[in-house]
Amino acid sequence: MDMEKLVRFVFVLYCATVGAVLVLIPWSPGWERMVSHLPMAFEILRQPLLRSALSGFGLVHLVWCMHDLTLFLRTEVENETRRRGRAPAGPGESL
């Protein structure tokens, strides 16, 4: 595995992990316990608008993850097809 593939793979893992955490954590019971230890920001961090914004940012990460994963897999299929000596399949053509 070359460095570019490794970096792309790590980035996809990062986006998936951060996306899932940001979507789920603000609505979990653990969020209330965590923010209760922050007295200055407690009221702000409990607001549904902020929680929704964090979840939306998490969704952006998940969409980005899916985009990069699709691009990565498409590139791998095209590279494998070239290695086998065939032209890459276009849209609507089967491999």
PDB file of N, CA and C in Angstrom:
ATOM      1  N   MET A   1       0.861  -1.180   0.000  1.00  0.00           N
ATOM      2  CA  MET A   1       0.000   0.000   0.000  1.00  0.00           C
ATOM      3  C   MET A   1       0.902   1.236   0.000  1.00  0.00           C
ATOM      4  N   ASP A   2       0.691   2.094  -0.982  1.00  0.00           N
ATOM      5  CA  ASP A   2       1.523   3.285  -1.039  1.00  0.00           C
ATOM      6  C   ASP A   2       0.993   4.363  -0.091  1.00  0.00           C
ATOM      7  N   MET A   3       1.774   5.409   0.054  1.00  0.00           N
ATOM      8  CA  MET A   3       1.472   6.446   1.051  1.00  0.00           C
ATOM      9  C   MET A   3       0.143   7.151   0.763  1.00  0.00           C
ATOM     10  N   GLU A   4      -0.149   7.419  -0.504  1.00  0.00           N
ATOM     11  CA  GLU A   4      -1.402   8.116  -0.845  1.00  0.00           C
ATOM     12  C   GLU A   4      -2.620   7.289  -0.428  1.00  0.00           C
ATOM     13  N   LYS A   5      -2.573   5.993  -0.674  1.00  0.00           N
ATOM     14  CA  LYS A   5      -3.679   5.116  -0.275  1.00  0.00           C
ATOM     15  C   LYS A   5      -3.824   5.075   1.236  1.00  0.00           C
ATOM     16  N   LEU A   6      -2.698   5.014   1.924  1.00  0.00           N
ATOM     17  CA  LEU A   6      -2.732   4.973   3.382  1.00  0.00           C
ATOM     18  C   LEU A   6      -3.331   6.256   3.949  1.00  0.00           C
ATOM     19  N   VAL A   7      -2.916   7.391   3.432  1.00  0.00           N
ATOM     20  CA  VAL A   7      -3.442   8.680   3.897  1.00  0.00           C
ATOM     21  C   VAL A   7      -4.942   8.768   3.621  1.00  0.00           C
ATOM     22  N   ARG A   8      -5.368   8.360   2.441  1.00  0.00           N
ATOM     23  CA  ARG A   8      -6.795   8.398   2.108  1.00  0.00           C
ATOM     24  C   ARG A   8      -7.593   7.476   3.025  1.00  0.00           C
ATOM     25  N   PHE A   9      -7.052   6.289   3.290  1.00  0.00           N
ATOM     26  CA  PHE A   9      -7.724   5.335   4.177  1.00  0.00           C
ATOM     27  C   PHE A   9      -7.859   5.895   5.592  1.00  0.00           C
ATOM     28  N   VAL A  10      -6.795   6.489   6.110  1.00  0.00           N
ATOM     29  CA  VAL A  10      -6.832   7.076   7.450  1.00  0.00           C
ATOM     30  C   VAL A  10      -7.824   8.244   7.488  1.00  0.00           C
ATOM     31  N   PHE A  11      -7.869   9.039   6.428  1.00  0.00           N
ATOM     32  CA  PHE A  11      -8.800  10.156   6.378  1.00  0.00           C
ATOM     33  C   PHE A  11     -10.253   9.665   6.369  1.00  0.00           C
ATOM     34  N   VAL A  12     -10.529   8.602   5.629  1.00  0.00           N
ATOM     35  CA  VAL A  12     -11.880   8.032   5.606  1.00  0.00           C
ATOM     36  C   VAL A  12     -12.251   7.517   6.996  1.00  0.00           C
ATOM     37  N   LEU A  13     -11.327   6.852   7.667  1.00  0.00           N
ATOM     38  CA  LEU A  13     -11.596   6.384   9.034  1.00  0.00           C
ATOM     39  C   LEU A  13     -11.846   7.549   9.988  1.00  0.00           C
ATOM     40  N   TYR A  14     -11.045   8.596   9.845  1.00  0.00           N
ATOM     41  CA  TYR A  14     -11.224   9.787  10.680  1.00  0.00           C
ATOM     42  C   TYR A  14     -12.607  10.388  10.476  1.00  0.00           C
ATOM     43  N   CYS A  15     -12.988  10.593   9.222  1.00  0.00           N
ATOM     44  CA  CYS A  15     -14.287  11.210   8.937  1.00  0.00           C
ATOM     45  C   CYS A  15     -15.437  10.346   9.447  1.00  0.00           C
ATOM     46  N   ALA A  16     -15.330   9.035   9.286  1.00  0.00           N
ATOM     47  CA  ALA A  16     -16.391   8.149   9.759  1.00  0.00           C
ATOM     48  C   ALA A  16     -16.499   8.184  11.280  1.00  0.00           C
ATOM     49  N   THR A  17     -15.377   8.155  11.964  1.00  0.00           N
ATOM     50  CA  THR A  17     -15.376   8.153  13.425  1.00  0.00           C
ATOM     51  C   THR A  17     -15.881   9.477  13.991  1.00  0.00           C
ATOM     52  N   VAL A  18     -15.314  10.569  13.515  1.00  0.00           N
ATOM     53  CA  VAL A  18     -15.721  11.886  14.011  1.00  0.00           C
ATOM     54  C   VAL A  18     -17.179  12.154  13.656  1.00  0.00           C
ATOM     55  N   GLY A  19     -17.586  11.767  12.457  1.00  0.00           N
ATOM     56  CA  GLY A  19     -18.973  11.960  12.051  1.00  0.00           C
ATOM     57  C   GLY A  19     -19.941  11.220  12.951  1.00  0.00           C
ATOM     58  N   ALA A  20     -19.652   9.947  13.231  1.00  0.00           N
ATOM     59  CA  ALA A  20     -20.538   9.164  14.097  1.00  0.00           C
ATOM     60  C   ALA A  20     -20.589   9.738  15.509  1.00  0.00           C
ATOM     61  N   VAL A  21     -19.438  10.141  16.031  1.00  0.00           N
ATOM     62  CA  VAL A  21     -19.399  10.710  17.382  1.00  0.00           C
ATOM     63  C   VAL A  21     -20.189  12.009  17.439  1.00  0.00           C
ATOM     64  N   LEU A  22     -19.993  12.892  16.459  1.00  0.00           N
ATOM     65  CA  LEU A  22     -20.684  14.178  16.490  1.00  0.00           C
ATOM     66  C   LEU A  22     -22.187  14.043  16.260  1.00  0.00           C
ATOM     67  N   VAL A  23     -22.600  13.028  15.549  1.00  0.00           N
ATOM     68  CA  VAL A  23     -24.042  12.824  15.356  1.00  0.00           C
ATOM     69  C   VAL A  23     -24.687  12.272  16.623  1.00  0.00           C
ATOM     70  N   LEU A  24     -24.022  11.347  17.293  1.00  0.00           N
ATOM     71  CA  LEU A  24     -24.649  10.623  18.408  1.00  0.00           C
ATOM     72  C   LEU A  24     -24.430  11.245  19.787  1.00  0.00           C
ATOM     73  N   ILE A  25     -23.243  11.703  20.082  1.00  0.00           N
ATOM     74  CA  ILE A  25     -22.899  12.138  21.442  1.00  0.00           C
ATOM     75  C   ILE A  25     -23.752  13.298  21.960  1.00  0.00           C
ATOM     76  N   PRO A  26     -24.041  14.346  21.181  1.00  0.00           N
ATOM     77  CA  PRO A  26     -24.804  15.451  21.758  1.00  0.00           C
ATOM     78  C   PRO A  26     -26.199  15.061  22.262  1.00  0.00           C
ATOM     79  N   TRP A  27     -26.723  13.943  21.804  1.00  0.00           N
ATOM     80  CA  TRP A  27     -28.073  13.521  22.208  1.00  0.00           C
ATOM     81  C   TRP A  27     -28.038  12.387  23.228  1.00  0.00           C
ATOM     82  N   SER A  28     -26.873  11.975  23.662  1.00  0.00           N
ATOM     83  CA  SER A  28     -26.773  10.865  24.613  1.00  0.00           C
ATOM     84  C   SER A  28     -26.838  11.380  26.055  1.00  0.00           C
ATOM     85  N   PRO A  29     -27.198  10.501  26.988  1.00  0.00           N
ATOM     86  CA  PRO A  29     -27.197  10.899  28.407  1.00  0.00           C
ATOM     87  C   PRO A  29     -25.808  11.303  28.905  1.00  0.00           C
ATOM     88  N   GLY A  30     -24.776  10.763  28.314  1.00  0.00           N
ATOM     89  CA  GLY A  30     -23.413  11.119  28.702  1.00  0.00           C
ATOM     90  C   GLY A  30     -23.090  12.579  28.432  1.00  0.00           C
ATOM     91  N   TRP A  31     -23.766  13.169  27.455  1.00  0.00           N
ATOM     92  CA  TRP A  31     -23.555  14.582  27.133  1.00  0.00           C
ATOM     93  C   TRP A  31     -23.944  15.451  28.323  1.00  0.00           C
ATOM     94  N   GLU A  32     -25.071  15.159  28.925  1.00  0.00           N
ATOM     95  CA  GLU A  32     -25.533  15.929  30.092  1.00  0.00           C
ATOM     96  C   GLU A  32     -24.518  15.834  31.235  1.00  0.00           C
ATOM     97  N   ARG A  33     -24.026  14.633  31.478  1.00  0.00           N
ATOM     98  CA  ARG A  33     -23.037  14.462  32.561  1.00  0.00           C
ATOM     99  C   ARG A  33     -21.747  15.214  32.243  1.00  0.00           C
ATOM    100  N   MET A  34     -21.325  15.156  30.981  1.00  0.00           N
ATOM    101  CA  MET A  34     -20.082  15.816  30.608  1.00  0.00           C
ATOM    102  C   MET A  34     -20.201  17.335  30.732  1.00  0.00           C
ATOM    103  N   VAL A  35     -21.286  17.909  30.224  1.00  0.00           N
ATOM    104  CA  VAL A  35     -21.393  19.362  30.249  1.00  0.00           C
ATOM    105  C   VAL A  35     -21.739  19.893  31.636  1.00  0.00           C
ATOM    106  N   SER A  36     -22.213  19.031  32.514  1.00  0.00           N
ATOM    107  CA  SER A  36     -22.501  19.500  33.876  1.00  0.00           C
ATOM    108  C   SER A  36     -21.220  19.870  34.620  1.00  0.00           C
ATOM    109  N   HIS A  37     -20.077  19.387  34.148  1.00  0.00           N
ATOM    110  CA  HIS A  37     -18.779  19.718  34.762  1.00  0.00           C
ATOM    111  C   HIS A  37     -18.215  21.030  34.222  1.00  0.00           C
ATOM    112  N   LEU A  38     -18.937  21.668  33.323  1.00  0.00           N
ATOM    113  CA  LEU A  38     -18.504  22.931  32.734  1.00  0.00           C
ATOM    114  C   LEU A  38     -19.514  24.014  33.091  1.00  0.00           C
ATOM    115  N   PRO A  39     -19.436  24.558  34.303  1.00  0.00           N
ATOM    116  CA  PRO A  39     -20.485  25.468  34.768  1.00  0.00           C
ATOM    117  C   PRO A  39     -20.634  26.736  33.924  1.00  0.00           C
ATOM    118  N   MET A  40     -19.557  27.237  33.342  1.00  0.00           N
ATOM    119  CA  MET A  40     -19.647  28.470  32.556  1.00  0.00           C
ATOM    120  C   MET A  40     -20.414  28.241  31.243  1.00  0.00           C
ATOM    121  N   ALA A  41     -20.292  27.062  30.667  1.00  0.00           N
ATOM    122  CA  ALA A  41     -20.894  26.794  29.366  1.00  0.00           C
ATOM    123  C   ALA A  41     -22.083  25.844  29.449  1.00  0.00           C
ATOM    124  N   PHE A  42     -22.515  25.497  30.632  1.00  0.00           N
ATOM    125  CA  PHE A  42     -23.548  24.481  30.813  1.00  0.00           C
ATOM    126  C   PHE A  42     -24.830  24.815  30.056  1.00  0.00           C
ATOM    127  N   GLU A  43     -25.330  26.014  30.220  1.00  0.00           N
ATOM    128  CA  GLU A  43     -26.592  26.387  29.580  1.00  0.00           C
ATOM    129  C   GLU A  43     -26.468  26.440  28.056  1.00  0.00           C
ATOM    130  N   ILE A  44     -25.343  26.889  27.569  1.00  0.00           N
ATOM    131  CA  ILE A  44     -25.149  26.966  26.117  1.00  0.00           C
ATOM    132  C   ILE A  44     -25.060  25.563  25.511  1.00  0.00           C
ATOM    133  N   LEU A  45     -24.302  24.689  26.157  1.00  0.00           N
ATOM    134  CA  LEU A  45     -24.091  23.353  25.620  1.00  0.00           C
ATOM    135  C   LEU A  45     -25.333  22.470  25.716  1.00  0.00           C
ATOM    136  N   ARG A  46     -26.304  22.851  26.521  1.00  0.00           N
ATOM    137  CA  ARG A  46     -27.541  22.081  26.633  1.00  0.00           C
ATOM    138  C   ARG A  46     -28.586  22.510  25.601  1.00  0.00           C
ATOM    139  N   GLN A  47     -28.339  23.576  24.880  1.00  0.00           N
ATOM    140  CA  GLN A  47     -29.319  24.094  23.916  1.00  0.00           C
ATOM    141  C   GLN A  47     -29.469  23.138  22.725  1.00  0.00           C
ATOM    142  N   PRO A  48     -30.712  22.867  22.326  1.00  0.00           N
ATOM    143  CA  PRO A  48     -30.939  21.995  21.166  1.00  0.00           C
ATOM    144  C   PRO A  48     -30.320  22.539  19.871  1.00  0.00           C
ATOM    145  N   LEU A  49     -30.248  23.858  19.745  1.00  0.00           N
ATOM    146  CA  LEU A  49     -29.654  24.434  18.536  1.00  0.00           C
ATOM    147  C   LEU A  49     -28.175  24.057  18.417  1.00  0.00           C
ATOM    148  N   LEU A  50     -27.442  24.130  19.502  1.00  0.00           N
ATOM    149  CA  LEU A  50     -26.028  23.764  19.469  1.00  0.00           C
ATOM    150  C   LEU A  50     -25.864  22.266  19.230  1.00  0.00           C
ATOM    151  N   ARG A  51     -26.707  21.479  19.889  1.00  0.00           N
ATOM    152  CA  ARG A  51     -26.640  20.031  19.678  1.00  0.00           C
ATOM    153  C   ARG A  51     -26.926  19.687  18.219  1.00  0.00           C
ATOM    154  N   SER A  52     -27.916  20.353  17.638  1.00  0.00           N
ATOM    155  CA  SER A  52     -28.249  20.108  16.232  1.00  0.00           C
ATOM    156  C   SER A  52     -27.110  20.528  15.316  1.00  0.00           C
ATOM    157  N   ALA A  53     -26.477  21.648  15.638  1.00  0.00           N
ATOM    158  CA  ALA A  53     -25.342  22.111  14.826  1.00  0.00           C
ATOM    159  C   ALA A  53     -24.198  21.094  14.871  1.00  0.00           C
ATOM    160  N   LEU A  54     -23.925  20.547  16.039  1.00  0.00           N
ATOM    161  CA  LEU A  54     -22.872  19.532  16.149  1.00  0.00           C
ATOM    162  C   LEU A  54     -23.240  18.276  15.362  1.00  0.00           C
ATOM    163  N   SER A  55     -24.503  17.879  15.443  1.00  0.00           N
ATOM    164  CA  SER A  55     -24.949  16.708  14.681  1.00  0.00           C
ATOM    165  C   SER A  55     -24.871  16.980  13.181  1.00  0.00           C
ATOM    166  N   GLY A  56     -25.211  18.184  12.765  1.00  0.00           N
ATOM    167  CA  GLY A  56     -25.101  18.539  11.354  1.00  0.00           C
ATOM    168  C   GLY A  56     -23.664  18.508  10.876  1.00  0.00           C
ATOM    169  N   PHE A  57     -22.753  18.980  11.701  1.00  0.00           N
ATOM    170  CA  PHE A  57     -21.330  18.925  11.364  1.00  0.00           C
ATOM    171  C   PHE A  57     -20.877  17.469  11.266  1.00  0.00           C
ATOM    172  N   GLY A  58     -21.425  16.624  12.120  1.00  0.00           N
ATOM    173  CA  GLY A  58     -21.138  15.189  12.033  1.00  0.00           C
ATOM    174  C   GLY A  58     -21.649  14.584  10.739  1.00  0.00           C
ATOM    175  N   LEU A  59     -22.834  15.014  10.297  1.00  0.00           N
ATOM    176  CA  LEU A  59     -23.368  14.521   9.025  1.00  0.00           C
ATOM    177  C   LEU A  59     -22.491  14.958   7.852  1.00  0.00           C
ATOM    178  N   VAL A  60     -21.957  16.163   7.930  1.00  0.00           N
ATOM    179  CA  VAL A  60     -21.040  16.625   6.882  1.00  0.00           C
ATOM    180  C   VAL A  60     -19.829  15.691   6.822  1.00  0.00           C
ATOM    181  N   HIS A  61     -19.306  15.317   7.982  1.00  0.00           N
ATOM    182  CA  HIS A  61     -18.171  14.391   8.016  1.00  0.00           C
ATOM    183  C   HIS A  61     -18.546  13.034   7.416  1.00  0.00           C
ATOM    184  N   LEU A  62     -19.748  12.541   7.710  1.00  0.00           N
ATOM    185  CA  LEU A  62     -20.160  11.239   7.179  1.00  0.00           C
ATOM    186  C   LEU A  62     -20.342  11.292   5.660  1.00  0.00           C
ATOM    187  N   VAL A  63     -20.900  12.371   5.152  1.00  0.00           N
ATOM    188  CA  VAL A  63     -21.050  12.515   3.701  1.00  0.00           C
ATOM    189  C   VAL A  63     -19.675  12.598   3.041  1.00  0.00           C
ATOM    190  N   TRP A  64     -18.776  13.356   3.645  1.00  0.00           N
ATOM    191  CA  TRP A  64     -17.421  13.466   3.123  1.00  0.00           C
ATOM    192  C   TRP A  64     -16.734  12.093   3.126  1.00  0.00           C
ATOM    193  N   CYS A  65     -16.956  11.329   4.172  1.00  0.00           N
ATOM    194  CA  CYS A  65     -16.396   9.984   4.272  1.00  0.00           C
ATOM    195  C   CYS A  65     -16.905   9.110   3.128  1.00  0.00           C
ATOM    196  N   MET A  66     -18.214   9.144   2.893  1.00  0.00           N
ATOM    197  CA  MET A  66     -18.789   8.329   1.827  1.00  0.00           C
ATOM    198  C   MET A  66     -18.276   8.769   0.456  1.00  0.00           C
ATOM    199  N   HIS A  67     -18.125  10.074   0.260  1.00  0.00           N
ATOM    200  CA  HIS A  67     -17.593  10.589  -1.006  1.00  0.00           C
ATOM    201  C   HIS A  67     -16.172  10.086  -1.242  1.00  0.00           C
ATOM    202  N   ASP A  68     -15.318  10.238  -0.245  1.00  0.00           N
ATOM    203  CA  ASP A  68     -13.923   9.813  -0.404  1.00  0.00           C
ATOM    204  C   ASP A  68     -13.804   8.295  -0.522  1.00  0.00           C
ATOM    205  N   LEU A  69     -14.643   7.563   0.194  1.00  0.00           N
ATOM    206  CA  LEU A  69     -14.620   6.105   0.097  1.00  0.00           C
ATOM    207  C   LEU A  69     -15.042   5.663  -1.299  1.00  0.00           C
ATOM    208  N   THR A  70     -16.078   6.285  -1.846  1.00  0.00           N
ATOM    209  CA  THR A  70     -16.527   5.964  -3.203  1.00  0.00           C
ATOM    210  C   THR A  70     -15.436   6.287  -4.221  1.00  0.00           C
ATOM    211  N   LEU A  71     -14.819   7.437  -4.071  1.00  0.00           N
ATOM    212  CA  LEU A  71     -13.739   7.832  -4.977  1.00  0.00           C
ATOM    213  C   LEU A  71     -12.569   6.853  -4.883  1.00  0.00           C
ATOM    214  N   PHE A  72     -12.216   6.462  -3.677  1.00  0.00           N
ATOM    215  CA  PHE A  72     -11.119   5.521  -3.447  1.00  0.00           C
ATOM    216  C   PHE A  72     -11.421   4.170  -4.102  1.00  0.00           C
ATOM    217  N   LEU A  73     -12.633   3.669  -3.879  1.00  0.00           N
ATOM    218  CA  LEU A  73     -12.985   2.364  -4.440  1.00  0.00           C
ATOM    219  C   LEU A  73     -13.069   2.413  -5.958  1.00  0.00           C
ATOM    220  N   ARG A  74     -13.606   3.500  -6.504  1.00  0.00           N
ATOM    221  CA  ARG A  74     -13.683   3.643  -7.955  1.00  0.00           C
ATOM    222  C   ARG A  74     -12.279   3.675  -8.558  1.00  0.00           C
ATOM    223  N   THR A  75     -11.370   4.392  -7.929  1.00  0.00           N
ATOM    224  CA  THR A  75      -9.995   4.467  -8.414  1.00  0.00           C
ATOM    225  C   THR A  75      -9.332   3.098  -8.364  1.00  0.00           C
ATOM    226  N   GLU A  76      -9.576   2.351  -7.301  1.00  0.00           N
ATOM    227  CA  GLU A  76      -8.996   1.013  -7.185  1.00  0.00           C
ATOM    228  C   GLU A  76      -9.516   0.082  -8.269  1.00  0.00           C
ATOM    229  N   VAL A  77     -10.810   0.154  -8.567  1.00  0.00           N
ATOM    230  CA  VAL A  77     -11.382  -0.687  -9.622  1.00  0.00           C
ATOM    231  C   VAL A  77     -10.778  -0.318 -10.970  1.00  0.00           C
ATOM    232  N   GLU A  78     -10.644   0.984 -11.242  1.00  0.00           N
ATOM    233  CA  GLU A  78     -10.046   1.413 -12.509  1.00  0.00           C
ATOM    234  C   GLU A  78      -8.593   0.968 -12.613  1.00  0.00           C
ATOM    235  N   ASN A  79      -7.848   1.073 -11.519  1.00  0.00           N
ATOM    236  CA  ASN A  79      -6.441   0.639 -11.542  1.00  0.00           C
ATOM    237  C   ASN A  79      -6.338  -0.866 -11.763  1.00  0.00           C
ATOM    238  N   GLU A  80      -7.188  -1.633 -11.130  1.00  0.00           N
ATOM    239  CA  GLU A  80      -7.171  -3.089 -11.295  1.00  0.00           C
ATOM    240  C   GLU A  80      -7.541  -3.465 -12.725  1.00  0.00           C
ATOM    241  N   THR A  81      -8.495  -2.740 -13.291  1.00  0.00           N
ATOM    242  CA  THR A  81      -8.903  -3.004 -14.665  1.00  0.00           C
ATOM    243  C   THR A  81      -7.763  -2.712 -15.633  1.00  0.00           C
ATOM    244  N   ARG A  82      -7.040  -1.618 -15.404  1.00  0.00           N
ATOM    245  CA  ARG A  82      -5.887  -1.282 -16.252  1.00  0.00           C
ATOM    246  C   ARG A  82      -4.791  -2.334 -16.130  1.00  0.00           C
ATOM    247  N   ARG A  83      -4.571  -2.828 -14.904  1.00  0.00           N
ATOM    248  CA  ARG A  83      -3.537  -3.850 -14.703  1.00  0.00           C
ATOM    249  C   ARG A  83      -3.858  -5.124 -15.471  1.00  0.00           C
ATOM    250  N   ARG A  84      -5.137  -5.420 -15.597  1.00  0.00           N
ATOM    251  CA  ARG A  84      -5.540  -6.632 -16.320  1.00  0.00           C
ATOM    252  C   ARG A  84      -5.550  -6.430 -17.825  1.00  0.00           C
ATOM    253  N   GLY A  85      -5.321  -5.195 -18.274  1.00  0.00           N
ATOM    254  CA  GLY A  85      -5.211  -4.943 -19.700  1.00  0.00           C
ATOM    255  C   GLY A  85      -6.505  -4.577 -20.390  1.00  0.00           C
ATOM    256  N   ARG A  86      -7.540  -4.266 -19.633  1.00  0.00           N
ATOM    257  CA  ARG A  86      -8.810  -3.863 -20.239  1.00  0.00           C
ATOM    258  C   ARG A  86      -9.016  -2.381 -19.996  1.00  0.00           C
ATOM    259  N   ALA A  87      -9.823  -1.783 -20.828  1.00  0.00           N
ATOM    260  CA  ALA A  87     -10.187  -0.376 -20.626  1.00  0.00           C
ATOM    261  C   ALA A  87     -11.191  -0.320 -19.479  1.00  0.00           C
ATOM    262  N   PRO A  88     -11.127   0.729 -18.672  1.00  0.00           N
ATOM    263  CA  PRO A  88     -12.088   0.854 -17.583  1.00  0.00           C
ATOM    264  C   PRO A  88     -13.514   0.939 -18.108  1.00  0.00           C
ATOM    265  N   ALA A  89     -14.432   0.344 -17.366  1.00  0.00           N
ATOM    266  CA  ALA A  89     -15.839   0.356 -17.761  1.00  0.00           C
ATOM    267  C   ALA A  89     -16.407   1.753 -17.560  1.00  0.00           C
ATOM    268  N   GLY A  90     -17.147   2.200 -18.532  1.00  0.00           N
ATOM    269  CA  GLY A  90     -17.813   3.497 -18.421  1.00  0.00           C
ATOM    270  C   GLY A  90     -19.134   3.360 -17.686  1.00  0.00           C
ATOM    271  N   PRO A  91     -19.842   4.467 -17.534  1.00  0.00           N
ATOM    272  CA  PRO A  91     -21.134   4.397 -16.861  1.00  0.00           C
ATOM    273  C   PRO A  91     -22.097   3.525 -17.661  1.00  0.00           C
ATOM    274  N   GLY A  92     -22.756   2.633 -16.999  1.00  0.00           N
ATOM    275  CA  GLY A  92     -23.711   1.749 -17.649  1.00  0.00           C
ATOM    276  C   GLY A  92     -23.099   0.459 -18.172  1.00  0.00           C
ATOM    277  N   GLU A  93     -21.779   0.369 -18.204  1.00  0.00           N
ATOM    278  CA  GLU A  93     -21.125  -0.861 -18.653  1.00  0.00           C
ATOM    279  C   GLU A  93     -20.774  -1.703 -17.438  1.00  0.00           C
ATOM    280  N   SER A  94     -20.832  -2.990 -17.602  1.00  0.00           N
ATOM    281  CA  SER A  94     -20.470  -3.856 -16.489  1.00  0.00           C
ATOM    282  C   SER A  94     -18.999  -4.210 -16.576  1.00  0.00           C
ATOM    283  N   LEU A  95     -18.431  -4.507 -15.419  1.00  0.00           N
ATOM    284  CA  LEU A  95     -17.023  -4.902 -15.382  1.00  0.00           C
ATOM    285  C   LEU A  95     -16.955  -6.345 -15.747  1.00  0.00           C
TER     286      LEU A  95
END
